[in-house]
């Protein structure tokens, strides 16, 4: 579930203070703990175990990115190709450390990832109250000249009850951005 509180393997420095070095790259296993810390620090993401983030950086690194500002982990996007449709990139989580928000870092990470993976379409799920994520993916669609569609996806009934999990999970809508990539036409 992408949550945005404010961009594989290219550097990007636009929209940052002039003297600030921003690197957006493919994560490695050594970054797994940083991804977990970033997710936990958002206060809004469903935080998985540290082990899950370490495995993610091993098995899904090519469809994910980490952003560093002056060498410090500042944000990440985790994604994967859907097994039954490898031309679809599913974005699972988007996180930006609160100290680095307001610099278009999420947008820059997403653009970098989409350009590196070159999917024909992108999918993500977003709760109705997550205006930042809706704006992020709507902006990507606009910038890529693609359409964005929304459909009902996971309802509250799909998640464990509040009694079981400690909180009631909000419904998630499926956002699809297409066409993308070199074979989009």
Protein backbone atom coordinates (compact mmCIF):
# COMPACT_ATOMS: atom_id res chain seq x y z
CA UNK A 1 0.00 0.00 0.00
CA UNK A 2 1.81 3.12 -1.08
CA UNK A 3 1.87 5.92 1.34
CA UNK A 4 3.58 9.13 0.44
CA UNK A 5 4.58 11.74 2.85
CA UNK A 6 6.32 13.74 0.18
CA UNK A 7 12.74 9.05 -7.24
CA UNK A 8 17.13 1.19 -10.00
CA UNK A 9 20.11 2.99 -10.47
CA UNK A 10 20.40 6.55 -11.60
CA UNK A 11 21.35 9.70 -9.77
CA UNK A 12 18.96 12.61 -9.59
CA UNK A 13 19.50 16.04 -8.09
CA UNK A 14 16.62 18.23 -9.30
CA UNK A 15 14.32 19.99 -6.80
CA UNK A 16 16.84 19.70 -3.97
CA UNK A 17 18.94 22.42 -2.42
CA UNK A 18 21.73 23.21 -4.89
CA UNK A 19 24.50 21.80 -2.73
CA UNK A 20 22.63 18.63 -1.74
CA UNK A 21 23.65 15.29 -3.29
CA UNK A 22 20.70 12.95 -4.00
CA UNK A 23 21.28 9.42 -5.27
CA UNK A 24 18.45 7.12 -6.36
CA UNK A 25 19.61 3.56 -6.86
CA UNK A 26 18.75 -0.11 -6.66
CA UNK A 27 18.76 -1.28 -3.02
CA UNK A 28 21.07 -4.02 -1.76
CA UNK A 29 20.70 -6.43 1.14
CA UNK A 30 22.73 -3.97 3.21
CA UNK A 31 19.85 -1.47 2.76
CA UNK A 32 17.15 -3.80 4.15
CA UNK A 33 17.33 -2.46 7.71
CA UNK A 34 17.17 1.11 6.39
CA UNK A 35 14.01 0.32 4.43
CA UNK A 36 12.44 -1.09 7.60
CA UNK A 37 13.43 2.05 9.59
CA UNK A 38 12.04 4.34 6.88
CA UNK A 39 8.75 2.42 6.75
CA UNK A 40 8.42 2.45 10.54
CA UNK A 41 9.27 6.15 10.67
CA UNK A 42 6.38 7.16 8.42
CA UNK A 43 3.81 6.35 11.07
CA UNK A 44 1.31 5.38 8.35
CA UNK A 45 2.72 2.39 6.46
CA UNK A 46 1.90 -1.18 7.36
CA UNK A 47 5.33 -2.09 8.72
CA UNK A 48 6.59 -5.58 8.01
CA UNK A 49 9.36 -7.40 9.85
CA UNK A 50 12.95 -6.30 9.26
CA UNK A 51 13.51 -9.76 7.77
CA UNK A 52 10.87 -9.05 5.09
CA UNK A 53 12.66 -5.86 4.00
CA UNK A 54 16.01 -7.65 3.87
CA UNK A 55 14.49 -10.41 1.73
CA UNK A 56 12.82 -7.77 -0.43
CA UNK A 57 16.18 -6.15 -1.19
CA UNK A 58 17.51 -9.54 -2.25
CA UNK A 59 14.58 -10.82 -4.31
CA UNK A 60 12.94 -7.64 -5.66
CA UNK A 61 15.82 -5.14 -5.82
CA UNK A 62 15.49 -4.63 -9.57
CA UNK A 63 11.94 -3.36 -9.15
CA UNK A 64 12.64 -1.14 -6.15
CA UNK A 65 14.70 1.97 -5.38
CA UNK A 66 16.27 3.68 -2.40
CA UNK A 67 17.03 7.40 -2.26
CA UNK A 68 19.94 8.78 -0.28
CA UNK A 69 20.50 12.44 0.49
CA UNK A 70 24.13 13.19 1.31
CA UNK A 71 24.60 9.43 1.81
CA UNK A 72 21.74 9.13 4.32
CA UNK A 73 18.72 6.91 3.53
CA UNK A 74 15.86 9.31 2.79
CA UNK A 75 13.20 7.21 1.05
CA UNK A 76 12.36 4.06 -0.87
CA UNK A 77 9.84 2.50 -3.20
CA UNK A 78 9.28 -1.24 -3.21
CA UNK A 79 7.68 -2.90 -6.19
CA UNK A 80 7.51 -6.14 -8.11
CA UNK A 81 6.46 -7.49 -11.47
CA UNK A 82 3.16 -9.34 -11.20
CA UNK A 83 3.92 -13.05 -11.78
CA UNK A 84 0.89 -13.60 -14.03
CA UNK A 85 1.55 -10.33 -15.91
CA UNK A 86 5.26 -9.40 -15.97
CA UNK A 87 4.52 -6.22 -17.97
CA UNK A 88 2.77 -4.82 -14.87
CA UNK A 89 4.84 -3.22 -12.13
CA UNK A 90 3.00 -3.28 -8.80
CA UNK A 91 4.15 -0.61 -6.33
CA UNK A 92 3.86 -1.93 -2.79
CA UNK A 93 5.25 0.81 -0.55
CA UNK A 94 6.48 4.39 -0.92
CA UNK A 95 8.24 5.98 2.04
CA UNK A 96 10.02 9.31 2.52
CA UNK A 97 11.64 10.30 5.81
CA UNK A 98 9.89 13.37 7.28
CA UNK A 99 13.16 15.36 7.19
CA UNK A 100 13.27 15.04 3.40
CA UNK A 101 9.63 15.74 2.52
CA UNK A 102 8.61 18.60 0.27
CA UNK A 103 11.47 17.96 -2.20
CA UNK A 104 9.52 15.84 -4.72
CA UNK A 105 11.63 12.87 -3.68
CA UNK A 106 8.75 10.36 -4.04
CA UNK A 107 8.02 11.62 -7.56
CA UNK A 108 11.67 11.45 -8.54
CA UNK A 109 12.01 7.92 -7.14
CA UNK A 110 8.87 6.78 -8.97
CA UNK A 111 9.98 8.29 -12.29
CA UNK A 112 13.43 6.74 -11.95
CA UNK A 113 11.94 3.33 -11.17
CA UNK A 114 9.41 3.41 -14.03
CA UNK A 115 12.11 4.46 -16.50
CA UNK A 116 14.45 1.68 -15.31
CA UNK A 117 11.85 -1.12 -15.26
CA UNK A 118 9.93 0.10 -18.35
CA UNK A 119 6.62 -1.65 -17.58
CA UNK A 120 3.61 -1.36 -19.86
CA UNK A 121 1.44 -0.54 -16.85
CA UNK A 122 1.74 0.24 -13.19
CA UNK A 123 -0.61 -0.80 -10.39
CA UNK A 124 -0.85 0.21 -6.77
CA UNK A 125 -3.45 0.22 -4.03
CA UNK A 126 -4.33 3.37 -2.10
CA UNK A 127 -6.79 4.16 0.68
CA UNK A 128 -9.31 6.89 -0.14
CA UNK A 129 -7.87 9.28 2.47
CA UNK A 130 -4.29 9.14 1.14
CA UNK A 131 -4.20 12.36 -0.91
CA UNK A 132 -0.40 12.37 -1.21
CA UNK A 133 -0.28 8.94 -2.87
CA UNK A 134 -3.21 9.75 -5.13
CA UNK A 135 -1.39 12.93 -6.22
CA UNK A 136 1.87 11.02 -6.75
CA UNK A 137 0.35 8.45 -9.11
CA UNK A 138 -1.93 10.97 -10.83
CA UNK A 139 1.16 13.08 -11.49
CA UNK A 140 3.00 10.11 -12.97
CA UNK A 141 0.07 9.43 -15.31
CA UNK A 142 0.01 13.08 -16.39
CA UNK A 143 3.79 13.23 -16.91
CA UNK A 144 3.81 10.00 -18.95
CA UNK A 145 0.69 10.89 -20.98
CA UNK A 146 -1.04 7.80 -19.57
CA UNK A 147 -4.51 7.24 -18.18
CA UNK A 148 -5.16 6.47 -14.54
CA UNK A 149 -8.12 4.33 -13.57
CA UNK A 150 -9.45 3.43 -10.15
CA UNK A 151 -11.44 0.37 -9.16
CA UNK A 152 -12.61 -1.05 -5.85
CA UNK A 153 -10.17 -3.73 -4.77
CA UNK A 154 -9.72 -4.82 -1.16
CA UNK A 155 -12.60 -4.16 1.24
CA UNK A 156 -12.47 -4.02 5.04
CA UNK A 157 -13.73 -7.62 5.01
CA UNK A 158 -10.57 -8.77 3.21
CA UNK A 159 -8.42 -7.72 6.19
CA UNK A 160 -8.34 -9.23 9.68
CA UNK A 161 -10.86 -7.71 12.08
CA UNK A 162 -9.86 -4.93 14.45
CA UNK A 163 -10.16 -7.43 17.31
CA UNK A 164 -7.66 -9.74 15.59
CA UNK A 165 -5.17 -7.18 14.33
CA UNK A 166 -5.53 -4.28 16.77
CA UNK A 167 -6.91 -1.91 14.12
CA UNK A 168 -9.41 -1.94 11.30
CA UNK A 169 -7.69 -1.63 7.94
CA UNK A 170 -9.30 0.81 5.53
CA UNK A 171 -10.40 -0.39 2.08
CA UNK A 172 -7.80 -0.15 -0.70
CA UNK A 173 -8.64 0.97 -4.23
CA UNK A 174 -6.61 -0.32 -7.19
CA UNK A 175 -5.02 2.43 -9.27
CA UNK A 176 -3.75 1.50 -12.74
CA UNK A 177 -1.54 3.80 -14.82
CA UNK A 178 -1.28 2.79 -18.49
CA UNK A 179 0.03 2.74 -21.10
CA UNK A 180 3.66 3.10 -20.05
CA UNK A 181 7.01 1.94 -21.36
CA UNK A 182 8.54 1.65 -24.80
CA UNK A 183 5.80 -0.64 -26.16
CA UNK A 184 2.92 1.41 -24.74
CA UNK A 185 1.43 2.41 -28.11
